[in-house]
């Protein structure tokens, strides 16, 4: 039984074995690897530039006043969850409390009364002020500002 190689035929036994020159193939492999890595890095740089351009363009359309921590907001989520009818889906949910303003266009929000619970980052365009507000007790404000 022969493993990991071809059986030799009678013709192979009559002809001399050709020496395999590894040097050109290893240089070729090194050059190919270098070229592939360079192409990957160039593509990555171009995609990063395109992503930044799209992000800047989207952020230019942000509207409204700047957010303040501990202000009450409603969150817009236009797509219904999987398995739920679009007719029964409420696009605006909330109210949520602004936990941290990360930039002019993004902030971190959480549900009211959920001080240690899950919070998530949203874009400014998906928020609107809650008119019939949630009152946040001073103790929650104090605990909240420490985190």
N, C-alpha and C. Protein backbone atom coordinates (compact mmCIF):
# COMPACT_ATOMS: atom_id res chain seq x y z
N UNK A 1 0.84 -1.18 0.00
CA UNK A 1 0.00 0.00 0.00
C UNK A 1 0.89 1.25 0.00
N UNK A 2 0.55 2.18 -0.87
CA UNK A 2 1.33 3.40 -1.01
C UNK A 2 0.44 4.56 -0.58
N UNK A 3 0.92 5.39 0.33
CA UNK A 3 0.14 6.51 0.84
C UNK A 3 0.82 7.81 0.45
N UNK A 4 0.02 8.76 -0.03
CA UNK A 4 0.45 10.13 -0.31
C UNK A 4 1.44 10.24 -1.47
N UNK A 5 1.46 9.24 -2.36
CA UNK A 5 2.25 9.36 -3.58
C UNK A 5 1.66 8.44 -4.64
N UNK A 6 1.98 8.74 -5.87
CA UNK A 6 1.47 7.93 -6.97
C UNK A 6 2.32 6.67 -7.13
N UNK A 7 1.66 5.64 -7.61
CA UNK A 7 2.40 4.41 -7.92
C UNK A 7 3.30 4.66 -9.12
N UNK A 8 4.44 4.03 -9.10
CA UNK A 8 5.35 4.17 -10.24
C UNK A 8 4.97 3.17 -11.31
N UNK A 9 4.92 3.66 -12.50
CA UNK A 9 4.63 2.79 -13.64
C UNK A 9 5.94 2.26 -14.22
N UNK A 10 5.88 1.24 -15.06
CA UNK A 10 7.12 0.74 -15.66
C UNK A 10 7.86 1.80 -16.47
N UNK A 11 7.14 2.72 -17.08
CA UNK A 11 7.81 3.77 -17.85
C UNK A 11 8.60 4.67 -16.91
N UNK A 12 8.05 4.95 -15.72
CA UNK A 12 8.75 5.80 -14.76
C UNK A 12 10.05 5.15 -14.29
N UNK A 13 10.07 3.84 -14.20
CA UNK A 13 11.29 3.18 -13.73
C UNK A 13 12.39 3.18 -14.80
N UNK A 14 11.99 3.31 -16.06
CA UNK A 14 13.01 3.34 -17.12
C UNK A 14 13.57 4.74 -17.35
N UNK A 15 12.77 5.75 -17.09
CA UNK A 15 13.22 7.13 -17.29
C UNK A 15 13.80 7.68 -15.99
N UNK A 16 14.82 8.51 -16.10
CA UNK A 16 15.38 9.08 -14.87
C UNK A 16 14.41 10.11 -14.26
N UNK A 17 14.46 10.22 -12.94
CA UNK A 17 13.63 11.21 -12.24
C UNK A 17 14.18 12.60 -12.51
N UNK A 18 13.30 13.53 -12.76
CA UNK A 18 13.75 14.91 -12.95
C UNK A 18 13.83 15.59 -11.59
N UNK A 19 14.88 16.30 -11.39
CA UNK A 19 15.04 17.01 -10.13
C UNK A 19 14.11 18.22 -10.12
N UNK A 20 13.44 18.36 -9.02
CA UNK A 20 12.51 19.49 -8.88
C UNK A 20 13.29 20.65 -8.27
N UNK A 21 13.28 21.75 -8.98
CA UNK A 21 13.98 22.93 -8.49
C UNK A 21 13.00 23.74 -7.65
N UNK A 22 13.18 23.74 -6.35
CA UNK A 22 12.26 24.43 -5.44
C UNK A 22 12.48 25.94 -5.40
N UNK A 23 13.63 26.39 -5.80
CA UNK A 23 13.95 27.81 -5.67
C UNK A 23 13.03 28.71 -6.48
N UNK A 24 12.82 28.48 -7.77
CA UNK A 24 11.92 29.38 -8.51
C UNK A 24 10.48 29.34 -7.98
N UNK A 25 9.99 28.16 -7.59
CA UNK A 25 8.62 28.11 -7.11
C UNK A 25 8.49 28.82 -5.76
N UNK A 26 9.50 28.73 -4.91
CA UNK A 26 9.39 29.41 -3.63
C UNK A 26 9.47 30.93 -3.82
N UNK A 27 10.27 31.38 -4.77
CA UNK A 27 10.30 32.82 -5.06
C UNK A 27 8.96 33.27 -5.63
N UNK A 28 8.41 32.42 -6.49
CA UNK A 28 7.10 32.73 -7.06
C UNK A 28 6.04 32.81 -5.97
N UNK A 29 6.08 31.85 -5.05
CA UNK A 29 5.09 31.84 -3.97
C UNK A 29 5.26 33.07 -3.08
N UNK A 30 6.50 33.43 -2.78
CA UNK A 30 6.74 34.61 -1.95
C UNK A 30 6.23 35.88 -2.64
N UNK A 31 6.52 36.00 -3.94
CA UNK A 31 6.06 37.17 -4.69
C UNK A 31 4.53 37.20 -4.76
N UNK A 32 3.93 36.04 -5.00
CA UNK A 32 2.48 35.96 -5.07
C UNK A 32 1.84 36.34 -3.73
N UNK A 33 2.40 35.83 -2.65
CA UNK A 33 1.89 36.19 -1.32
C UNK A 33 2.02 37.68 -1.07
N UNK A 34 3.15 38.25 -1.42
CA UNK A 34 3.36 39.68 -1.23
C UNK A 34 2.35 40.49 -2.04
N UNK A 35 2.15 40.09 -3.30
CA UNK A 35 1.19 40.80 -4.16
C UNK A 35 -0.24 40.68 -3.64
N UNK A 36 -0.60 39.50 -3.15
CA UNK A 36 -1.95 39.31 -2.60
C UNK A 36 -2.16 40.15 -1.35
N UNK A 37 -1.15 40.20 -0.48
CA UNK A 37 -1.27 41.02 0.73
C UNK A 37 -1.37 42.50 0.38
N UNK A 38 -0.62 42.92 -0.61
CA UNK A 38 -0.67 44.33 -1.04
C UNK A 38 -2.03 44.66 -1.64
N UNK A 39 -2.56 43.76 -2.48
CA UNK A 39 -3.88 43.97 -3.08
C UNK A 39 -4.96 44.01 -2.00
N UNK A 40 -4.86 43.13 -1.01
CA UNK A 40 -5.82 43.11 0.09
C UNK A 40 -5.78 44.43 0.86
N UNK A 41 -4.58 44.92 1.15
CA UNK A 41 -4.45 46.17 1.90
C UNK A 41 -4.98 47.35 1.10
N UNK A 42 -4.70 47.39 -0.20
CA UNK A 42 -5.22 48.47 -1.04
C UNK A 42 -6.75 48.44 -1.09
N UNK A 43 -7.33 47.26 -1.25
CA UNK A 43 -8.79 47.14 -1.27
C UNK A 43 -9.38 47.55 0.07
N UNK A 44 -8.73 47.18 1.14
CA UNK A 44 -9.21 47.55 2.48
C UNK A 44 -9.18 49.06 2.67
N UNK A 45 -8.12 49.72 2.22
CA UNK A 45 -8.02 51.17 2.34
C UNK A 45 -9.11 51.87 1.52
N UNK A 46 -9.36 51.37 0.31
CA UNK A 46 -10.39 51.98 -0.53
C UNK A 46 -11.77 51.80 0.10
N UNK A 47 -12.05 50.61 0.61
CA UNK A 47 -13.35 50.36 1.25
C UNK A 47 -13.52 51.21 2.50
N UNK A 48 -12.45 51.39 3.27
CA UNK A 48 -12.54 52.24 4.46
C UNK A 48 -12.85 53.68 4.06
N UNK A 49 -12.20 54.17 3.01
CA UNK A 49 -12.47 55.53 2.53
C UNK A 49 -13.91 55.69 2.07
N UNK A 50 -14.42 54.69 1.35
CA UNK A 50 -15.82 54.74 0.89
C UNK A 50 -16.78 54.71 2.08
N UNK A 51 -16.47 53.90 3.07
CA UNK A 51 -17.32 53.82 4.26
C UNK A 51 -17.35 55.16 4.99
N UNK A 52 -16.20 55.79 5.14
CA UNK A 52 -16.14 57.10 5.80
C UNK A 52 -16.93 58.14 5.01
N UNK A 53 -16.82 58.10 3.69
CA UNK A 53 -17.54 59.05 2.85
C UNK A 53 -19.05 58.88 3.03
N UNK A 54 -19.54 57.63 3.03
CA UNK A 54 -20.97 57.38 3.21
C UNK A 54 -21.42 57.80 4.60
N UNK A 55 -20.60 57.54 5.61
CA UNK A 55 -20.95 57.92 6.98
C UNK A 55 -21.04 59.43 7.11
N UNK A 56 -20.08 60.15 6.55
CA UNK A 56 -20.11 61.61 6.61
C UNK A 56 -21.32 62.17 5.88
N UNK A 57 -21.65 61.59 4.74
CA UNK A 57 -22.81 62.04 3.97
C UNK A 57 -24.10 61.81 4.75
N UNK A 58 -24.22 60.65 5.39
CA UNK A 58 -25.42 60.34 6.18
C UNK A 58 -25.51 61.26 7.40
N UNK A 59 -24.38 61.50 8.04
CA UNK A 59 -24.39 62.35 9.24
C UNK A 59 -24.73 63.80 8.92
N UNK A 60 -24.51 64.24 7.68
CA UNK A 60 -24.87 65.61 7.31
C UNK A 60 -26.37 65.83 7.36
N UNK A 61 -27.15 64.76 7.23
CA UNK A 61 -28.60 64.89 7.23
C UNK A 61 -29.19 64.82 8.64
N UNK A 62 -28.36 64.71 9.66
CA UNK A 62 -28.87 64.68 11.03
C UNK A 62 -29.56 66.00 11.32
N UNK A 63 -30.68 65.93 12.02
CA UNK A 63 -31.48 67.12 12.25
C UNK A 63 -31.87 67.21 13.72
N UNK A 64 -32.26 68.38 14.14
CA UNK A 64 -32.76 68.57 15.50
C UNK A 64 -31.72 69.14 16.43
N UNK A 65 -32.17 69.37 17.66
CA UNK A 65 -31.29 69.95 18.68
C UNK A 65 -30.37 68.87 19.23
N UNK A 66 -29.29 69.30 19.86
CA UNK A 66 -28.36 68.34 20.43
C UNK A 66 -29.00 67.66 21.64
N UNK A 67 -28.56 66.45 21.90
CA UNK A 67 -29.12 65.65 22.99
C UNK A 67 -28.42 65.96 24.30
N UNK A 68 -29.15 65.80 25.38
CA UNK A 68 -28.60 65.96 26.71
C UNK A 68 -28.76 64.63 27.45
N UNK A 69 -27.80 64.23 28.26
CA UNK A 69 -27.97 63.02 29.06
C UNK A 69 -29.20 63.13 29.96
N UNK A 70 -29.86 62.04 30.20
CA UNK A 70 -31.05 61.89 31.04
C UNK A 70 -32.27 62.56 30.40
N UNK A 71 -32.26 62.85 29.11
CA UNK A 71 -33.47 63.34 28.46
C UNK A 71 -34.26 62.13 27.96
N UNK A 72 -35.57 62.28 27.88
CA UNK A 72 -36.46 61.19 27.50
C UNK A 72 -36.72 61.24 25.99
N UNK A 73 -36.55 60.09 25.31
CA UNK A 73 -36.67 60.02 23.85
C UNK A 73 -37.47 58.79 23.44
N UNK A 74 -38.05 58.85 22.24
CA UNK A 74 -38.67 57.70 21.60
C UNK A 74 -37.74 57.22 20.50
N UNK A 75 -37.71 55.90 20.30
CA UNK A 75 -36.83 55.28 19.30
C UNK A 75 -37.64 54.83 18.10
N UNK A 76 -37.16 55.15 16.90
CA UNK A 76 -37.82 54.75 15.66
C UNK A 76 -37.16 53.48 15.13
N UNK A 77 -37.95 52.43 14.96
CA UNK A 77 -37.47 51.19 14.35
C UNK A 77 -38.48 50.77 13.30
N UNK A 78 -38.27 51.14 12.02
CA UNK A 78 -39.27 50.94 10.98
C UNK A 78 -39.50 49.48 10.59
N UNK A 79 -38.52 48.62 10.74
CA UNK A 79 -38.68 47.23 10.33
C UNK A 79 -39.27 46.41 11.47
N UNK A 80 -40.34 45.66 11.21
CA UNK A 80 -40.92 44.83 12.27
C UNK A 80 -40.01 43.64 12.56
N UNK A 81 -40.08 43.11 13.78
CA UNK A 81 -39.29 41.92 14.09
C UNK A 81 -39.75 40.73 13.24
N UNK A 82 -38.90 39.75 13.11
CA UNK A 82 -39.23 38.57 12.30
C UNK A 82 -40.46 37.88 12.88
N UNK A 83 -41.40 37.56 12.02
CA UNK A 83 -42.60 36.86 12.43
C UNK A 83 -43.74 37.75 12.88
N UNK A 84 -43.53 39.06 12.91
CA UNK A 84 -44.58 39.98 13.33
C UNK A 84 -45.12 40.70 12.10
N UNK A 85 -46.44 40.88 12.08
CA UNK A 85 -47.08 41.54 10.94
C UNK A 85 -46.69 43.01 10.89
N UNK A 86 -46.36 43.53 9.70
CA UNK A 86 -46.03 44.96 9.59
C UNK A 86 -47.19 45.87 9.96
N UNK A 87 -48.42 45.37 9.81
CA UNK A 87 -49.58 46.18 10.16
C UNK A 87 -49.67 46.42 11.67
N UNK A 88 -49.21 45.46 12.45
CA UNK A 88 -49.31 45.56 13.90
C UNK A 88 -48.06 46.14 14.55
N UNK A 89 -47.07 46.43 13.75
CA UNK A 89 -45.80 46.94 14.29
C UNK A 89 -45.89 48.44 14.56
N UNK A 90 -45.52 48.84 15.79
CA UNK A 90 -45.43 50.26 16.12
C UNK A 90 -44.02 50.73 15.79
N UNK A 91 -43.92 51.72 14.92
CA UNK A 91 -42.60 52.18 14.49
C UNK A 91 -41.85 52.90 15.60
N UNK A 92 -42.57 53.60 16.49
CA UNK A 92 -41.94 54.34 17.57
C UNK A 92 -42.13 53.58 18.87
N UNK A 93 -41.05 53.33 19.58
CA UNK A 93 -41.13 52.65 20.87
C UNK A 93 -40.46 53.52 21.92
N UNK A 94 -40.77 53.23 23.14
CA UNK A 94 -40.14 54.01 24.20
C UNK A 94 -41.11 54.39 25.27
N UNK A 95 -40.77 55.26 26.09
CA UNK A 95 -39.63 56.18 26.07
C UNK A 95 -38.33 55.52 26.55
N UNK A 96 -37.25 56.08 26.11
CA UNK A 96 -35.91 55.67 26.51
C UNK A 96 -35.21 56.87 27.13
N UNK A 97 -34.21 56.59 27.93
CA UNK A 97 -33.41 57.63 28.57
C UNK A 97 -32.05 57.69 27.88
N UNK A 98 -31.62 58.89 27.52
CA UNK A 98 -30.28 59.07 26.93
C UNK A 98 -29.27 58.88 28.04
N UNK A 99 -28.43 57.88 27.88
CA UNK A 99 -27.45 57.55 28.91
C UNK A 99 -26.14 58.31 28.69
N UNK A 100 -25.71 58.37 27.44
CA UNK A 100 -24.42 59.02 27.15
C UNK A 100 -24.47 59.54 25.72
N UNK A 101 -24.01 60.76 25.52
CA UNK A 101 -23.90 61.33 24.17
C UNK A 101 -22.49 61.05 23.69
N UNK A 102 -22.37 60.21 22.66
CA UNK A 102 -21.05 59.81 22.17
C UNK A 102 -20.47 60.78 21.17
N UNK A 103 -21.32 61.35 20.32
CA UNK A 103 -20.87 62.34 19.33
C UNK A 103 -22.07 63.20 18.97
N UNK A 104 -21.90 64.06 17.97
CA UNK A 104 -23.03 64.89 17.54
C UNK A 104 -24.15 64.07 16.93
N UNK A 105 -23.85 62.86 16.48
CA UNK A 105 -24.86 62.08 15.76
C UNK A 105 -25.23 60.76 16.43
N UNK A 106 -24.52 60.32 17.44
CA UNK A 106 -24.85 59.06 18.11
C UNK A 106 -24.93 59.24 19.62
N UNK A 107 -25.76 58.40 20.24
CA UNK A 107 -25.86 58.40 21.70
C UNK A 107 -26.21 57.00 22.17
N UNK A 108 -26.01 56.77 23.45
CA UNK A 108 -26.33 55.48 24.07
C UNK A 108 -27.60 55.66 24.88
N UNK A 109 -28.59 54.76 24.67
CA UNK A 109 -29.87 54.88 25.38
C UNK A 109 -30.17 53.60 26.14
N UNK A 110 -31.09 53.71 27.11
CA UNK A 110 -31.57 52.56 27.87
C UNK A 110 -33.02 52.81 28.24
N UNK A 111 -33.71 51.76 28.63
CA UNK A 111 -35.10 51.89 29.06
C UNK A 111 -35.18 52.57 30.42
N UNK A 112 -36.29 53.27 30.74
CA UNK A 112 -36.42 53.92 32.04
C UNK A 112 -36.53 52.88 33.14
N UNK A 113 -35.93 53.16 34.27
CA UNK A 113 -35.98 52.24 35.40
C UNK A 113 -35.09 51.02 35.23
N UNK A 114 -34.29 50.98 34.19
CA UNK A 114 -33.39 49.85 33.94
C UNK A 114 -31.95 50.33 34.06
N UNK A 115 -31.60 50.76 35.24
CA UNK A 115 -30.30 51.39 35.43
C UNK A 115 -29.13 50.48 35.04
N UNK A 116 -29.16 49.24 35.48
CA UNK A 116 -28.06 48.34 35.16
C UNK A 116 -28.34 47.45 33.97
N UNK A 117 -29.42 47.69 33.27
CA UNK A 117 -29.84 46.80 32.19
C UNK A 117 -29.15 47.16 30.86
N UNK A 118 -29.54 46.41 29.85
CA UNK A 118 -28.96 46.53 28.50
C UNK A 118 -29.18 47.93 27.93
N UNK A 119 -28.13 48.51 27.40
CA UNK A 119 -28.23 49.80 26.70
C UNK A 119 -27.61 49.61 25.32
N UNK A 120 -27.98 50.48 24.38
CA UNK A 120 -27.47 50.33 23.02
C UNK A 120 -27.27 51.69 22.38
N UNK A 121 -26.42 51.72 21.36
CA UNK A 121 -26.08 52.95 20.66
C UNK A 121 -26.99 53.13 19.46
N UNK A 122 -27.53 54.34 19.29
CA UNK A 122 -28.42 54.64 18.17
C UNK A 122 -27.99 55.94 17.51
N UNK A 123 -28.41 56.11 16.26
CA UNK A 123 -28.14 57.34 15.52
C UNK A 123 -29.18 58.38 15.90
N UNK A 124 -28.78 59.63 15.88
CA UNK A 124 -29.63 60.75 16.25
C UNK A 124 -30.91 60.83 15.42
N UNK A 125 -30.86 60.42 14.14
CA UNK A 125 -32.03 60.48 13.27
C UNK A 125 -33.13 59.52 13.69
N UNK A 126 -32.82 58.52 14.51
CA UNK A 126 -33.82 57.54 14.93
C UNK A 126 -34.48 57.91 16.26
N UNK A 127 -34.25 59.11 16.74
CA UNK A 127 -34.81 59.53 18.03
C UNK A 127 -35.68 60.76 17.86
N UNK A 128 -36.69 60.87 18.73
CA UNK A 128 -37.46 62.11 18.83
C UNK A 128 -37.79 62.31 20.30
N UNK A 129 -37.91 63.56 20.74
CA UNK A 129 -38.19 63.82 22.16
C UNK A 129 -39.55 63.25 22.56
N UNK A 130 -39.61 62.72 23.77
CA UNK A 130 -40.87 62.23 24.32
C UNK A 130 -41.63 63.42 24.88
N UNK A 131 -42.84 63.64 24.40
CA UNK A 131 -43.61 64.81 24.85
C UNK A 131 -44.28 64.55 26.18
N UNK A 132 -44.93 63.41 26.34
CA UNK A 132 -45.50 63.09 27.64
C UNK A 132 -44.45 62.28 28.37
N UNK A 133 -43.67 62.98 29.13
CA UNK A 133 -42.39 62.49 29.57
C UNK A 133 -42.39 61.43 30.63
N UNK A 134 -41.24 60.88 30.73
CA UNK A 134 -40.92 59.98 31.80
C UNK A 134 -40.18 60.81 32.82
N UNK A 135 -40.63 60.78 34.03
CA UNK A 135 -39.92 61.52 35.07
C UNK A 135 -38.90 60.59 35.68
N UNK A 136 -37.70 61.04 35.75
CA UNK A 136 -36.62 60.26 36.31
C UNK A 136 -36.34 60.80 37.69
N UNK A 137 -36.38 59.92 38.67
CA UNK A 137 -36.18 60.37 40.04
C UNK A 137 -34.76 60.87 40.23
N UNK A 138 -34.56 61.82 41.17
CA UNK A 138 -33.21 62.35 41.39
C UNK A 138 -32.21 61.28 41.78
N UNK A 139 -32.65 60.24 42.51
CA UNK A 139 -31.71 59.19 42.90
C UNK A 139 -31.21 58.44 41.67
N UNK A 140 -32.10 58.21 40.69
CA UNK A 140 -31.67 57.56 39.45
C UNK A 140 -30.71 58.45 38.68
N UNK A 141 -30.98 59.74 38.67
CA UNK A 141 -30.08 60.67 37.98
C UNK A 141 -28.69 60.63 38.59
N UNK A 142 -28.64 60.65 39.93
CA UNK A 142 -27.35 60.67 40.62
C UNK A 142 -26.60 59.36 40.34
N UNK A 143 -27.30 58.21 40.45
CA UNK A 143 -26.65 56.92 40.19
C UNK A 143 -26.23 56.82 38.74
N UNK A 144 -27.06 57.36 37.88
CA UNK A 144 -26.82 57.28 36.45
C UNK A 144 -25.59 58.08 36.05
N UNK A 145 -25.42 59.25 36.60
CA UNK A 145 -24.30 60.11 36.23
C UNK A 145 -22.98 59.56 36.72
N UNK A 146 -23.01 58.68 37.75
CA UNK A 146 -21.77 58.11 38.26
C UNK A 146 -21.23 57.01 37.35
N UNK A 147 -22.11 56.39 36.53
CA UNK A 147 -21.66 55.26 35.72
C UNK A 147 -20.97 55.70 34.47
